[in-house]
Amino acid sequence: MQCRQEQRQTIHSNCRVRTGPGLPQRATVVDLSSEGCGLQSPRLALRRADKVELTFGDEHSIVAEVRWARHGEAVGLRFSTPLRPTVVDDITRQALRASIRGIAPRQQIVLEQGNLRSVC
């Protein structure tokens, strides 16, 4: 079993998943890193090693491979090419904006003590 190289951020971002020439299906990205992501979708019938294409809005299209799948529940993906940090930040910001506008459920914001700094 391989371990993740990077910690994933918890997000809630809508995307479209294409598995072949058919129409894309909707899914929700629940965690994200530059290496991969976790999806939730009751309609995705994917198996380990399947290739998929994720699309976020009109800007980001990402090819990935299924690493694990629980049919009708969740899927773990590994991106064919790691995402640049700016792309991860952009997808995370889009998810946060959707949450604020009420398009997606609100995310819990967790502040770690080590990341806080004095403003005085």
PDB file of N, CA and C in Angstrom:
ATOM      1  N   MET A   1       0.845  -1.189   0.000  1.00  0.00           N
ATOM      2  CA  MET A   1       0.000   0.000   0.000  1.00  0.00           C
ATOM      3  C   MET A   1       0.884   1.245   0.000  1.00  0.00           C
ATOM      4  N   GLN A   2       0.583   2.182  -0.888  1.00  0.00           N
ATOM      5  CA  GLN A   2       1.343   3.414  -0.956  1.00  0.00           C
ATOM      6  C   GLN A   2       0.767   4.446  -0.007  1.00  0.00           C
ATOM      7  N   CYS A   3       1.649   5.223   0.593  1.00  0.00           N
ATOM      8  CA  CYS A   3       1.209   6.315   1.457  1.00  0.00           C
ATOM      9  C   CYS A   3       1.152   7.598   0.631  1.00  0.00           C
ATOM     10  N   ARG A   4       0.292   8.508   1.054  1.00  0.00           N
ATOM     11  CA  ARG A   4       0.218   9.806   0.374  1.00  0.00           C
ATOM     12  C   ARG A   4       1.475  10.605   0.656  1.00  0.00           C
ATOM     13  N   GLN A   5       1.922  11.322  -0.355  1.00  0.00           N
ATOM     14  CA  GLN A   5       3.103  12.151  -0.215  1.00  0.00           C
ATOM     15  C   GLN A   5       2.767  13.502   0.412  1.00  0.00           C
ATOM     16  N   GLU A   6       1.491  13.854   0.386  1.00  0.00           N
ATOM     17  CA  GLU A   6       1.082  15.197   0.783  1.00  0.00           C
ATOM     18  C   GLU A   6      -0.282  15.123   1.474  1.00  0.00           C
ATOM     19  N   GLN A   7      -0.460  15.934   2.492  1.00  0.00           N
ATOM     20  CA  GLN A   7      -1.733  16.003   3.199  1.00  0.00           C
ATOM     21  C   GLN A   7      -2.805  16.606   2.287  1.00  0.00           C
ATOM     22  N   ARG A   8      -3.999  16.035   2.301  1.00  0.00           N
ATOM     23  CA  ARG A   8      -5.095  16.567   1.485  1.00  0.00           C
ATOM     24  C   ARG A   8      -5.902  17.585   2.269  1.00  0.00           C
ATOM     25  N   GLN A   9      -6.388  18.606   1.551  1.00  0.00           N
ATOM     26  CA  GLN A   9      -7.247  19.623   2.143  1.00  0.00           C
ATOM     27  C   GLN A   9      -8.697  19.167   2.034  1.00  0.00           C
ATOM     28  N   THR A  10      -9.447  19.341   3.097  1.00  0.00           N
ATOM     29  CA  THR A  10     -10.867  19.015   3.047  1.00  0.00           C
ATOM     30  C   THR A  10     -11.586  20.161   2.347  1.00  0.00           C
ATOM     31  N   ILE A  11     -12.304  19.831   1.274  1.00  0.00           N
ATOM     32  CA  ILE A  11     -13.083  20.833   0.544  1.00  0.00           C
ATOM     33  C   ILE A  11     -14.419  20.210   0.172  1.00  0.00           C
ATOM     34  N   HIS A  12     -15.267  20.987  -0.431  1.00  0.00           N
ATOM     35  CA  HIS A  12     -16.537  20.491  -0.972  1.00  0.00           C
ATOM     36  C   HIS A  12     -16.731  21.231  -2.287  1.00  0.00           C
ATOM     37  N   SER A  13     -16.289  20.602  -3.386  1.00  0.00           N
ATOM     38  CA  SER A  13     -16.302  21.266  -4.682  1.00  0.00           C
ATOM     39  C   SER A  13     -17.010  20.390  -5.711  1.00  0.00           C
ATOM     40  N   ASN A  14     -17.953  20.969  -6.411  1.00  0.00           N
ATOM     41  CA  ASN A  14     -18.636  20.241  -7.470  1.00  0.00           C
ATOM     42  C   ASN A  14     -17.716  20.113  -8.680  1.00  0.00           C
ATOM     43  N   CYS A  15     -17.807  18.974  -9.361  1.00  0.00           N
ATOM     44  CA  CYS A  15     -17.034  18.764 -10.581  1.00  0.00           C
ATOM     45  C   CYS A  15     -17.829  17.843 -11.491  1.00  0.00           C
ATOM     46  N   ARG A  16     -17.318  17.676 -12.708  1.00  0.00           N
ATOM     47  CA  ARG A  16     -17.890  16.710 -13.651  1.00  0.00           C
ATOM     48  C   ARG A  16     -16.833  15.650 -13.914  1.00  0.00           C
ATOM     49  N   VAL A  17     -17.279  14.397 -14.022  1.00  0.00           N
ATOM     50  CA  VAL A  17     -16.368  13.272 -14.238  1.00  0.00           C
ATOM     51  C   VAL A  17     -16.755  12.576 -15.534  1.00  0.00           C
ATOM     52  N   ARG A  18     -15.778  12.460 -16.425  1.00  0.00           N
ATOM     53  CA  ARG A  18     -16.002  11.762 -17.690  1.00  0.00           C
ATOM     54  C   ARG A  18     -15.144  10.505 -17.686  1.00  0.00           C
ATOM     55  N   THR A  19     -15.779   9.381 -18.015  1.00  0.00           N
ATOM     56  CA  THR A  19     -15.062   8.104 -18.026  1.00  0.00           C
ATOM     57  C   THR A  19     -14.869   7.565 -19.437  1.00  0.00           C
ATOM     58  N   GLY A  20     -15.385   8.232 -20.413  1.00  0.00           N
ATOM     59  CA  GLY A  20     -15.271   7.787 -21.799  1.00  0.00           C
ATOM     60  C   GLY A  20     -15.988   8.765 -22.697  1.00  0.00           C
ATOM     61  N   PRO A  21     -16.514   8.291 -23.819  1.00  0.00           N
ATOM     62  CA  PRO A  21     -17.153   9.190 -24.772  1.00  0.00           C
ATOM     63  C   PRO A  21     -18.541   9.687 -24.346  1.00  0.00           C
ATOM     64  N   GLY A  22     -19.116   9.140 -23.294  1.00  0.00           N
ATOM     65  CA  GLY A  22     -20.458   9.541 -22.873  1.00  0.00           C
ATOM     66  C   GLY A  22     -20.477  10.897 -22.182  1.00  0.00           C
ATOM     67  N   LEU A  23     -21.641  11.249 -21.699  1.00  0.00           N
ATOM     68  CA  LEU A  23     -21.809  12.508 -20.978  1.00  0.00           C
ATOM     69  C   LEU A  23     -21.120  12.444 -19.617  1.00  0.00           C
ATOM     70  N   PRO A  24     -20.575  13.576 -19.170  1.00  0.00           N
ATOM     71  CA  PRO A  24     -19.952  13.579 -17.842  1.00  0.00           C
ATOM     72  C   PRO A  24     -21.020  13.472 -16.750  1.00  0.00           C
ATOM     73  N   GLN A  25     -20.613  12.930 -15.615  1.00  0.00           N
ATOM     74  CA  GLN A  25     -21.496  12.820 -14.462  1.00  0.00           C
ATOM     75  C   GLN A  25     -21.025  13.775 -13.381  1.00  0.00           C
ATOM     76  N   ARG A  26     -21.967  14.230 -12.572  1.00  0.00           N
ATOM     77  CA  ARG A  26     -21.624  15.141 -11.479  1.00  0.00           C
ATOM     78  C   ARG A  26     -21.073  14.355 -10.299  1.00  0.00           C
ATOM     79  N   ALA A  27     -20.132  14.980  -9.614  1.00  0.00           N
ATOM     80  CA  ALA A  27     -19.556  14.396  -8.406  1.00  0.00           C
ATOM     81  C   ALA A  27     -19.118  15.538  -7.498  1.00  0.00           C
ATOM     82  N   THR A  28     -18.753  15.209  -6.293  1.00  0.00           N
ATOM     83  CA  THR A  28     -18.280  16.185  -5.326  1.00  0.00           C
ATOM     84  C   THR A  28     -16.886  15.798  -4.862  1.00  0.00           C
ATOM     85  N   VAL A  29     -15.941  16.718  -4.991  1.00  0.00           N
ATOM     86  CA  VAL A  29     -14.596  16.509  -4.474  1.00  0.00           C
ATOM     87  C   VAL A  29     -14.642  16.829  -2.986  1.00  0.00           C
ATOM     88  N   VAL A  30     -14.215  15.871  -2.156  1.00  0.00           N
ATOM     89  CA  VAL A  30     -14.275  16.067  -0.711  1.00  0.00           C
ATOM     90  C   VAL A  30     -12.908  16.312  -0.088  1.00  0.00           C
ATOM     91  N   ASP A  31     -11.848  15.969  -0.814  1.00  0.00           N
ATOM     92  CA  ASP A  31     -10.502  16.331  -0.364  1.00  0.00           C
ATOM     93  C   ASP A  31      -9.603  16.457  -1.588  1.00  0.00           C
ATOM     94  N   LEU A  32      -8.549  17.265  -1.439  1.00  0.00           N
ATOM     95  CA  LEU A  32      -7.733  17.620  -2.596  1.00  0.00           C
ATOM     96  C   LEU A  32      -6.294  17.873  -2.174  1.00  0.00           C
ATOM     97  N   SER A  33      -5.366  17.400  -2.996  1.00  0.00           N
ATOM     98  CA  SER A  33      -3.949  17.765  -2.889  1.00  0.00           C
ATOM     99  C   SER A  33      -3.427  17.880  -4.312  1.00  0.00           C
ATOM    100  N   SER A  34      -2.170  18.207  -4.453  1.00  0.00           N
ATOM    101  CA  SER A  34      -1.613  18.311  -5.805  1.00  0.00           C
ATOM    102  C   SER A  34      -1.496  16.937  -6.466  1.00  0.00           C
ATOM    103  N   GLU A  35      -1.505  15.868  -5.671  1.00  0.00           N
ATOM    104  CA  GLU A  35      -1.332  14.503  -6.180  1.00  0.00           C
ATOM    105  C   GLU A  35      -2.637  13.789  -6.505  1.00  0.00           C
ATOM    106  N   GLY A  36      -3.751  14.172  -5.837  1.00  0.00           N
ATOM    107  CA  GLY A  36      -5.000  13.454  -6.055  1.00  0.00           C
ATOM    108  C   GLY A  36      -6.150  14.040  -5.276  1.00  0.00           C
ATOM    109  N   CYS A  37      -7.272  13.315  -5.295  1.00  0.00           N
ATOM    110  CA  CYS A  37      -8.458  13.795  -4.594  1.00  0.00           C
ATOM    111  C   CYS A  37      -9.388  12.634  -4.254  1.00  0.00           C
ATOM    112  N   GLY A  38     -10.338  12.924  -3.406  1.00  0.00           N
ATOM    113  CA  GLY A  38     -11.395  11.984  -3.078  1.00  0.00           C
ATOM    114  C   GLY A  38     -12.707  12.519  -3.622  1.00  0.00           C
ATOM    115  N   LEU A  39     -13.515  11.633  -4.190  1.00  0.00           N
ATOM    116  CA  LEU A  39     -14.806  12.015  -4.766  1.00  0.00           C
ATOM    117  C   LEU A  39     -15.923  11.287  -4.060  1.00  0.00           C
ATOM    118  N   GLN A  40     -17.085  11.929  -4.026  1.00  0.00           N
ATOM    119  CA  GLN A  40     -18.314  11.274  -3.617  1.00  0.00           C
ATOM    120  C   GLN A  40     -19.314  11.417  -4.748  1.00  0.00           C
ATOM    121  N   SER A  41     -19.943  10.297  -5.104  1.00  0.00           N
ATOM    122  CA  SER A  41     -20.998  10.316  -6.102  1.00  0.00           C
ATOM    123  C   SER A  41     -21.713   8.977  -6.066  1.00  0.00           C
ATOM    124  N   PRO A  42     -23.026   9.015  -5.880  1.00  0.00           N
ATOM    125  CA  PRO A  42     -23.758   7.753  -5.851  1.00  0.00           C
ATOM    126  C   PRO A  42     -23.873   7.096  -7.224  1.00  0.00           C
ATOM    127  N   ARG A  43     -23.576   7.822  -8.291  1.00  0.00           N
ATOM    128  CA  ARG A  43     -23.772   7.299  -9.643  1.00  0.00           C
ATOM    129  C   ARG A  43     -22.516   6.775 -10.308  1.00  0.00           C
ATOM    130  N   LEU A  44     -21.369   7.030  -9.740  1.00  0.00           N
ATOM    131  CA  LEU A  44     -20.129   6.603 -10.377  1.00  0.00           C
ATOM    132  C   LEU A  44     -19.879   5.118 -10.116  1.00  0.00           C
ATOM    133  N   ALA A  45     -19.755   4.369 -11.192  1.00  0.00           N
ATOM    134  CA  ALA A  45     -19.430   2.941 -11.101  1.00  0.00           C
ATOM    135  C   ALA A  45     -18.023   2.753 -11.646  1.00  0.00           C
ATOM    136  N   LEU A  46     -17.038   3.065 -10.825  1.00  0.00           N
ATOM    137  CA  LEU A  46     -15.643   3.006 -11.253  1.00  0.00           C
ATOM    138  C   LEU A  46     -14.918   1.880 -10.540  1.00  0.00           C
ATOM    139  N   ARG A  47     -13.840   1.409 -11.196  1.00  0.00           N
ATOM    140  CA  ARG A  47     -13.011   0.363 -10.614  1.00  0.00           C
ATOM    141  C   ARG A  47     -11.556   0.837 -10.590  1.00  0.00           C
ATOM    142  N   ARG A  48     -10.783   0.211  -9.746  1.00  0.00           N
ATOM    143  CA  ARG A  48      -9.361   0.522  -9.632  1.00  0.00           C
ATOM    144  C   ARG A  48      -8.719   0.477 -11.020  1.00  0.00           C
ATOM    145  N   ALA A  49      -7.879   1.465 -11.302  1.00  0.00           N
ATOM    146  CA  ALA A  49      -7.107   1.628 -12.541  1.00  0.00           C
ATOM    147  C   ALA A  49      -7.908   2.245 -13.686  1.00  0.00           C
ATOM    148  N   ASP A  50      -9.202   2.516 -13.515  1.00  0.00           N
ATOM    149  CA  ASP A  50      -9.962   3.246 -14.540  1.00  0.00           C
ATOM    150  C   ASP A  50      -9.375   4.640 -14.710  1.00  0.00           C
ATOM    151  N   LYS A  51      -9.388   5.144 -15.933  1.00  0.00           N
ATOM    152  CA  LYS A  51      -8.948   6.517 -16.217  1.00  0.00           C
ATOM    153  C   LYS A  51     -10.171   7.410 -16.301  1.00  0.00           C
ATOM    154  N   VAL A  52     -10.083   8.598 -15.707  1.00  0.00           N
ATOM    155  CA  VAL A  52     -11.185   9.558 -15.734  1.00  0.00           C
ATOM    156  C   VAL A  52     -10.647  10.950 -16.038  1.00  0.00           C
ATOM    157  N   GLU A  53     -11.554  11.817 -16.437  1.00  0.00           N
ATOM    158  CA  GLU A  53     -11.227  13.226 -16.631  1.00  0.00           C
ATOM    159  C   GLU A  53     -12.152  14.040 -15.743  1.00  0.00           C
ATOM    160  N   LEU A  54     -11.568  14.839 -14.857  1.00  0.00           N
ATOM    161  CA  LEU A  54     -12.330  15.734 -13.973  1.00  0.00           C
ATOM    162  C   LEU A  54     -12.342  17.125 -14.578  1.00  0.00           C
ATOM    163  N   THR A  55     -13.478  17.794 -14.486  1.00  0.00           N
ATOM    164  CA  THR A  55     -13.566  19.175 -14.943  1.00  0.00           C
ATOM    165  C   THR A  55     -14.153  20.022 -13.826  1.00  0.00           C
ATOM    166  N   PHE A  56     -13.450  21.102 -13.495  1.00  0.00           N
ATOM    167  CA  PHE A  56     -13.894  22.062 -12.494  1.00  0.00           C
ATOM    168  C   PHE A  56     -14.272  23.334 -13.226  1.00  0.00           C
ATOM    169  N   GLY A  57     -15.544  23.677 -13.244  1.00  0.00           N
ATOM    170  CA  GLY A  57     -15.988  24.865 -13.957  1.00  0.00           C
ATOM    171  C   GLY A  57     -15.583  24.787 -15.414  1.00  0.00           C
ATOM    172  N   ASP A  58     -15.145  25.910 -15.959  1.00  0.00           N
ATOM    173  CA  ASP A  58     -14.707  25.952 -17.353  1.00  0.00           C
ATOM    174  C   ASP A  58     -13.193  26.036 -17.465  1.00  0.00           C
ATOM    175  N   GLU A  59     -12.503  26.009 -16.316  1.00  0.00           N
ATOM    176  CA  GLU A  59     -11.079  26.305 -16.329  1.00  0.00           C
ATOM    177  C   GLU A  59     -10.161  25.096 -16.234  1.00  0.00           C
ATOM    178  N   HIS A  60     -10.458  24.159 -15.364  1.00  0.00           N
ATOM    179  CA  HIS A  60      -9.512  23.094 -15.061  1.00  0.00           C
ATOM    180  C   HIS A  60     -10.039  21.733 -15.497  1.00  0.00           C
ATOM    181  N   SER A  61      -9.274  21.062 -16.333  1.00  0.00           N
ATOM    182  CA  SER A  61      -9.577  19.705 -16.758  1.00  0.00           C
ATOM    183  C   SER A  61      -8.378  18.842 -16.377  1.00  0.00           C
ATOM    184  N   ILE A  62      -8.627  17.774 -15.607  1.00  0.00           N
ATOM    185  CA  ILE A  62      -7.547  16.997 -15.014  1.00  0.00           C
ATOM    186  C   ILE A  62      -7.775  15.508 -15.291  1.00  0.00           C
ATOM    187  N   VAL A  63      -6.740  14.829 -15.766  1.00  0.00           N
ATOM    188  CA  VAL A  63      -6.808  13.386 -16.005  1.00  0.00           C
ATOM    189  C   VAL A  63      -6.303  12.681 -14.750  1.00  0.00           C
ATOM    190  N   ALA A  64      -7.016  11.608 -14.349  1.00  0.00           N
ATOM    191  CA  ALA A  64      -6.654  10.889 -13.123  1.00  0.00           C
ATOM    192  C   ALA A  64      -6.916   9.394 -13.284  1.00  0.00           C
ATOM    193  N   GLU A  65      -6.351   8.638 -12.360  1.00  0.00           N
ATOM    194  CA  GLU A  65      -6.557   7.190 -12.312  1.00  0.00           C
ATOM    195  C   GLU A  65      -7.213   6.831 -10.992  1.00  0.00           C
ATOM    196  N   VAL A  66      -8.172   5.915 -11.042  1.00  0.00           N
ATOM    197  CA  VAL A  66      -8.855   5.460  -9.826  1.00  0.00           C
ATOM    198  C   VAL A  66      -7.879   4.583  -9.042  1.00  0.00           C
ATOM    199  N   ARG A  67      -7.642   4.933  -7.783  1.00  0.00           N
ATOM    200  CA  ARG A  67      -6.765   4.157  -6.904  1.00  0.00           C
ATOM    201  C   ARG A  67      -7.571   3.204  -6.032  1.00  0.00           C
ATOM    202  N   TRP A  68      -8.784   3.621  -5.646  1.00  0.00           N
ATOM    203  CA  TRP A  68      -9.687   2.760  -4.881  1.00  0.00           C
ATOM    204  C   TRP A  68     -11.108   3.247  -5.120  1.00  0.00           C
ATOM    205  N   ALA A  69     -12.074   2.365  -4.926  1.00  0.00           N
ATOM    206  CA  ALA A  69     -13.475   2.734  -5.155  1.00  0.00           C
ATOM    207  C   ALA A  69     -14.387   1.918  -4.242  1.00  0.00           C
ATOM    208  N   ARG A  70     -15.372   2.589  -3.677  1.00  0.00           N
ATOM    209  CA  ARG A  70     -16.474   1.955  -2.960  1.00  0.00           C
ATOM    210  C   ARG A  70     -17.717   2.305  -3.767  1.00  0.00           C
ATOM    211  N   HIS A  71     -18.199   1.354  -4.543  1.00  0.00           N
ATOM    212  CA  HIS A  71     -19.297   1.588  -5.480  1.00  0.00           C
ATOM    213  C   HIS A  71     -20.470   2.309  -4.814  1.00  0.00           C
ATOM    214  N   GLY A  72     -20.886   3.390  -5.445  1.00  0.00           N
ATOM    215  CA  GLY A  72     -22.023   4.156  -4.957  1.00  0.00           C
ATOM    216  C   GLY A  72     -21.715   5.053  -3.778  1.00  0.00           C
ATOM    217  N   GLU A  73     -20.464   5.114  -3.365  1.00  0.00           N
ATOM    218  CA  GLU A  73     -20.121   5.945  -2.213  1.00  0.00           C
ATOM    219  C   GLU A  73     -19.000   6.924  -2.516  1.00  0.00           C
ATOM    220  N   ALA A  74     -17.790   6.380  -2.683  1.00  0.00           N
ATOM    221  CA  ALA A  74     -16.623   7.250  -2.798  1.00  0.00           C
ATOM    222  C   ALA A  74     -15.575   6.621  -3.707  1.00  0.00           C
ATOM    223  N   VAL A  75     -14.679   7.494  -4.201  1.00  0.00           N
ATOM    224  CA  VAL A  75     -13.599   7.086  -5.096  1.00  0.00           C
ATOM    225  C   VAL A  75     -12.358   7.890  -4.738  1.00  0.00           C
ATOM    226  N   GLY A  76     -11.207   7.235  -4.751  1.00  0.00           N
ATOM    227  CA  GLY A  76      -9.935   7.922  -4.557  1.00  0.00           C
ATOM    228  C   GLY A  76      -9.207   7.993  -5.884  1.00  0.00           C
ATOM    229  N   LEU A  77      -8.748   9.182  -6.251  1.00  0.00           N
ATOM    230  CA  LEU A  77      -8.079   9.392  -7.537  1.00  0.00           C
ATOM    231  C   LEU A  77      -6.654   9.885  -7.336  1.00  0.00           C
ATOM    232  N   ARG A  78      -5.799   9.490  -8.272  1.00  0.00           N
ATOM    233  CA  ARG A  78      -4.443  10.023  -8.330  1.00  0.00           C
ATOM    234  C   ARG A  78      -4.295  10.704  -9.680  1.00  0.00           C
ATOM    235  N   PHE A  79      -3.885  11.962  -9.669  1.00  0.00           N
ATOM    236  CA  PHE A  79      -3.745  12.719 -10.896  1.00  0.00           C
ATOM    237  C   PHE A  79      -2.575  12.201 -11.731  1.00  0.00           C
ATOM    238  N   SER A  80      -2.749  12.169 -13.047  1.00  0.00           N
ATOM    239  CA  SER A  80      -1.690  11.717 -13.949  1.00  0.00           C
ATOM    240  C   SER A  80      -0.484  12.633 -13.869  1.00  0.00           C
ATOM    241  N   THR A  81      -0.737  13.915 -13.746  1.00  0.00           N
ATOM    242  CA  THR A  81       0.309  14.923 -13.572  1.00  0.00           C
ATOM    243  C   THR A  81      -0.042  15.747 -12.335  1.00  0.00           C
ATOM    244  N   PRO A  82       0.874  15.873 -11.373  1.00  0.00           N
ATOM    245  CA  PRO A  82       0.554  16.662 -10.177  1.00  0.00           C
ATOM    246  C   PRO A  82       0.135  18.086 -10.536  1.00  0.00           C
ATOM    247  N   LEU A  83      -0.819  18.598  -9.772  1.00  0.00           N
ATOM    248  CA  LEU A  83      -1.309  19.956  -9.998  1.00  0.00           C
ATOM    249  C   LEU A  83      -0.321  20.980  -9.457  1.00  0.00           C
ATOM    250  N   ARG A  84      -0.218  22.098 -10.153  1.00  0.00           N
ATOM    251  CA  ARG A  84       0.573  23.213  -9.636  1.00  0.00           C
ATOM    252  C   ARG A  84      -0.122  23.770  -8.401  1.00  0.00           C
ATOM    253  N   PRO A  85       0.619  24.313  -7.448  1.00  0.00           N
ATOM    254  CA  PRO A  85       0.001  24.888  -6.245  1.00  0.00           C
ATOM    255  C   PRO A  85      -1.048  25.954  -6.571  1.00  0.00           C
ATOM    256  N   THR A  86      -0.844  26.711  -7.647  1.00  0.00           N
ATOM    257  CA  THR A  86      -1.814  27.742  -8.009  1.00  0.00           C
ATOM    258  C   THR A  86      -3.148  27.131  -8.428  1.00  0.00           C
ATOM    259  N   VAL A  87      -3.118  25.948  -9.056  1.00  0.00           N
ATOM    260  CA  VAL A  87      -4.360  25.276  -9.462  1.00  0.00           C
ATOM    261  C   VAL A  87      -5.089  24.748  -8.230  1.00  0.00           C
ATOM    262  N   VAL A  88      -4.351  24.143  -7.298  1.00  0.00           N
ATOM    263  CA  VAL A  88      -4.965  23.667  -6.048  1.00  0.00           C
ATOM    264  C   VAL A  88      -5.606  24.840  -5.310  1.00  0.00           C
ATOM    265  N   ASP A  89      -4.892  25.956  -5.219  1.00  0.00           N
ATOM    266  CA  ASP A  89      -5.435  27.149  -4.553  1.00  0.00           C
ATOM    267  C   ASP A  89      -6.682  27.659  -5.256  1.00  0.00           C
ATOM    268  N   ASP A  90      -6.667  27.665  -6.586  1.00  0.00           N
ATOM    269  CA  ASP A  90      -7.814  28.158  -7.350  1.00  0.00           C
ATOM    270  C   ASP A  90      -9.046  27.283  -7.117  1.00  0.00           C
ATOM    271  N   ILE A  91      -8.875  25.962  -7.163  1.00  0.00           N
ATOM    272  CA  ILE A  91     -10.001  25.053  -6.937  1.00  0.00           C
ATOM    273  C   ILE A  91     -10.527  25.214  -5.514  1.00  0.00           C
ATOM    274  N   THR A  92      -9.629  25.350  -4.553  1.00  0.00           N
ATOM    275  CA  THR A  92     -10.030  25.538  -3.155  1.00  0.00           C
ATOM    276  C   THR A  92     -10.794  26.846  -2.982  1.00  0.00           C
ATOM    277  N   ARG A  93     -10.320  27.916  -3.617  1.00  0.00           N
ATOM    278  CA  ARG A  93     -11.026  29.216  -3.534  1.00  0.00           C
ATOM    279  C   ARG A  93     -12.399  29.136  -4.182  1.00  0.00           C
ATOM    280  N   GLN A  94     -12.509  28.461  -5.331  1.00  0.00           N
ATOM    281  CA  GLN A  94     -13.812  28.310  -5.993  1.00  0.00           C
ATOM    282  C   GLN A  94     -14.789  27.568  -5.079  1.00  0.00           C
ATOM    283  N   ALA A  95     -14.306  26.530  -4.396  1.00  0.00           N
ATOM    284  CA  ALA A  95     -15.162  25.776  -3.476  1.00  0.00           C
ATOM    285  C   ALA A  95     -15.615  26.650  -2.316  1.00  0.00           C
ATOM    286  N   LEU A  96     -14.720  27.471  -1.789  1.00  0.00           N
ATOM    287  CA  LEU A  96     -15.074  28.361  -0.685  1.00  0.00           C
ATOM    288  C   LEU A  96     -16.091  29.406  -1.132  1.00  0.00           C
ATOM    289  N   ARG A  97     -15.899  29.980  -2.328  1.00  0.00           N
ATOM    290  CA  ARG A  97     -16.864  30.967  -2.842  1.00  0.00           C
ATOM    291  C   ARG A  97     -18.238  30.339  -3.037  1.00  0.00           C
ATOM    292  N   ALA A  98     -18.283  29.103  -3.556  1.00  0.00           N
ATOM    293  CA  ALA A  98     -19.563  28.404  -3.743  1.00  0.00           C
ATOM    294  C   ALA A  98     -20.234  28.169  -2.397  1.00  0.00           C
ATOM    295  N   SER A  99     -19.445  27.858  -1.381  1.00  0.00           N
ATOM    296  CA  SER A  99     -19.976  27.645  -0.040  1.00  0.00           C
ATOM    297  C   SER A  99     -20.578  28.935   0.515  1.00  0.00           C
ATOM    298  N   ILE A 100     -19.887  30.037   0.314  1.00  0.00           N
ATOM    299  CA  ILE A 100     -20.359  31.335   0.817  1.00  0.00           C
ATOM    300  C   ILE A 100     -21.634  31.761   0.093  1.00  0.00           C
ATOM    301  N   ARG A 101     -21.712  31.496  -1.217  1.00  0.00           N
ATOM    302  CA  ARG A 101     -22.899  31.875  -1.993  1.00  0.00           C
ATOM    303  C   ARG A 101     -24.064  30.913  -1.777  1.00  0.00           C
ATOM    304  N   GLY A 102     -23.829  29.809  -1.056  1.00  0.00           N
ATOM    305  CA  GLY A 102     -24.892  28.857  -0.791  1.00  0.00           C
ATOM    306  C   GLY A 102     -25.062  27.810  -1.873  1.00  0.00           C
ATOM    307  N   ILE A 103     -24.124  27.737  -2.818  1.00  0.00           N
ATOM    308  CA  ILE A 103     -24.193  26.747  -3.890  1.00  0.00           C
ATOM    309  C   ILE A 103     -23.740  25.382  -3.369  1.00  0.00           C
ATOM    310  N   ALA A 104     -22.839  25.396  -2.415  1.00  0.00           N
ATOM    311  CA  ALA A 104     -22.316  24.156  -1.825  1.00  0.00           C
ATOM    312  C   ALA A 104     -22.404  24.279  -0.313  1.00  0.00           C
ATOM    313  N   PRO A 105     -22.426  23.162   0.383  1.00  0.00           N
ATOM    314  CA  PRO A 105     -22.453  23.220   1.856  1.00  0.00           C
ATOM    315  C   PRO A 105     -21.256  23.980   2.387  1.00  0.00           C
ATOM    316  N   ARG A 106     -21.452  24.648   3.494  1.00  0.00           N
ATOM    317  CA  ARG A 106     -20.362  25.405   4.109  1.00  0.00           C
ATOM    318  C   ARG A 106     -19.298  24.470   4.645  1.00  0.00           C
ATOM    319  N   GLN A 107     -18.059  24.914   4.485  1.00  0.00           N
ATOM    320  CA  GLN A 107     -16.935  24.141   4.987  1.00  0.00           C
ATOM    321  C   GLN A 107     -16.629  24.574   6.408  1.00  0.00           C
ATOM    322  N   GLN A 108     -16.159  23.627   7.202  1.00  0.00           N
ATOM    323  CA  GLN A 108     -15.695  23.963   8.531  1.00  0.00           C
ATOM    324  C   GLN A 108     -14.306  24.549   8.396  1.00  0.00           C
ATOM    325  N   ILE A 109     -14.070  25.685   9.014  1.00  0.00           N
ATOM    326  CA  ILE A 109     -12.764  26.324   8.968  1.00  0.00           C
ATOM    327  C   ILE A 109     -12.015  25.955  10.236  1.00  0.00           C
ATOM    328  N   VAL A 110     -10.861  25.349  10.061  1.00  0.00           N
ATOM    329  CA  VAL A 110     -10.060  24.916  11.198  1.00  0.00           C
ATOM    330  C   VAL A 110      -8.783  25.728  11.214  1.00  0.00           C
ATOM    331  N   LEU A 111      -8.551  26.422  12.317  1.00  0.00           N
ATOM    332  CA  LEU A 111      -7.321  27.191  12.475  1.00  0.00           C
ATOM    333  C   LEU A 111      -6.403  26.432  13.409  1.00  0.00           C
ATOM    334  N   GLU A 112      -5.208  26.177  12.954  1.00  0.00           N
ATOM    335  CA  GLU A 112      -4.225  25.508  13.791  1.00  0.00           C
ATOM    336  C   GLU A 112      -3.398  26.562  14.499  1.00  0.00           C
ATOM    337  N   GLN A 113      -3.147  26.342  15.756  1.00  0.00           N
ATOM    338  CA  GLN A 113      -2.417  27.324  16.570  1.00  0.00           C
ATOM    339  C   GLN A 113      -1.089  27.693  15.953  1.00  0.00           C
ATOM    340  N   GLY A 114      -0.387  26.732  15.338  1.00  0.00           N
ATOM    341  CA  GLY A 114       0.924  27.012  14.746  1.00  0.00           C
ATOM    342  C   GLY A 114       0.859  27.945  13.556  1.00  0.00           C
ATOM    343  N   ASN A 115      -0.316  28.087  12.915  1.00  0.00           N
ATOM    344  CA  ASN A 115      -0.439  28.937  11.724  1.00  0.00           C
ATOM    345  C   ASN A 115      -0.844  30.369  12.078  1.00  0.00           C
ATOM    346  N   LEU A 116      -1.155  30.627  13.349  1.00  0.00           N
ATOM    347  CA  LEU A 116      -1.588  31.963  13.744  1.00  0.00           C
ATOM    348  C   LEU A 116      -0.372  32.829  14.041  1.00  0.00           C
ATOM    349  N   ARG A 117      -0.477  34.121  13.715  1.00  0.00           N
ATOM    350  CA  ARG A 117       0.602  35.044  14.039  1.00  0.00           C
ATOM    351  C   ARG A 117       0.006  36.343  14.547  1.00  0.00           C
ATOM    352  N   SER A 118       0.764  37.015  15.329  1.00  0.00           N
ATOM    353  CA  SER A 118       0.305  38.254  15.937  1.00  0.00           C
ATOM    354  C   SER A 118       0.172  39.336  14.886  1.00  0.00           C
ATOM    355  N   VAL A 119      -0.857  40.185  15.006  1.00  0.00           N
ATOM    356  CA  VAL A 119      -1.053  41.289  14.059  1.00  0.00           C
ATOM    357  C   VAL A 119      -0.701  42.630  14.705  1.00  0.00           C
ATOM    358  N   CYS A 120      -0.233  42.648  15.910  1.00  0.00           N
ATOM    359  CA  CYS A 120       0.117  43.905  16.610  1.00  0.00           C
ATOM    360  C   CYS A 120       1.539  44.297  16.339  1.00  0.00           C
TER     361      CYS A 120
END
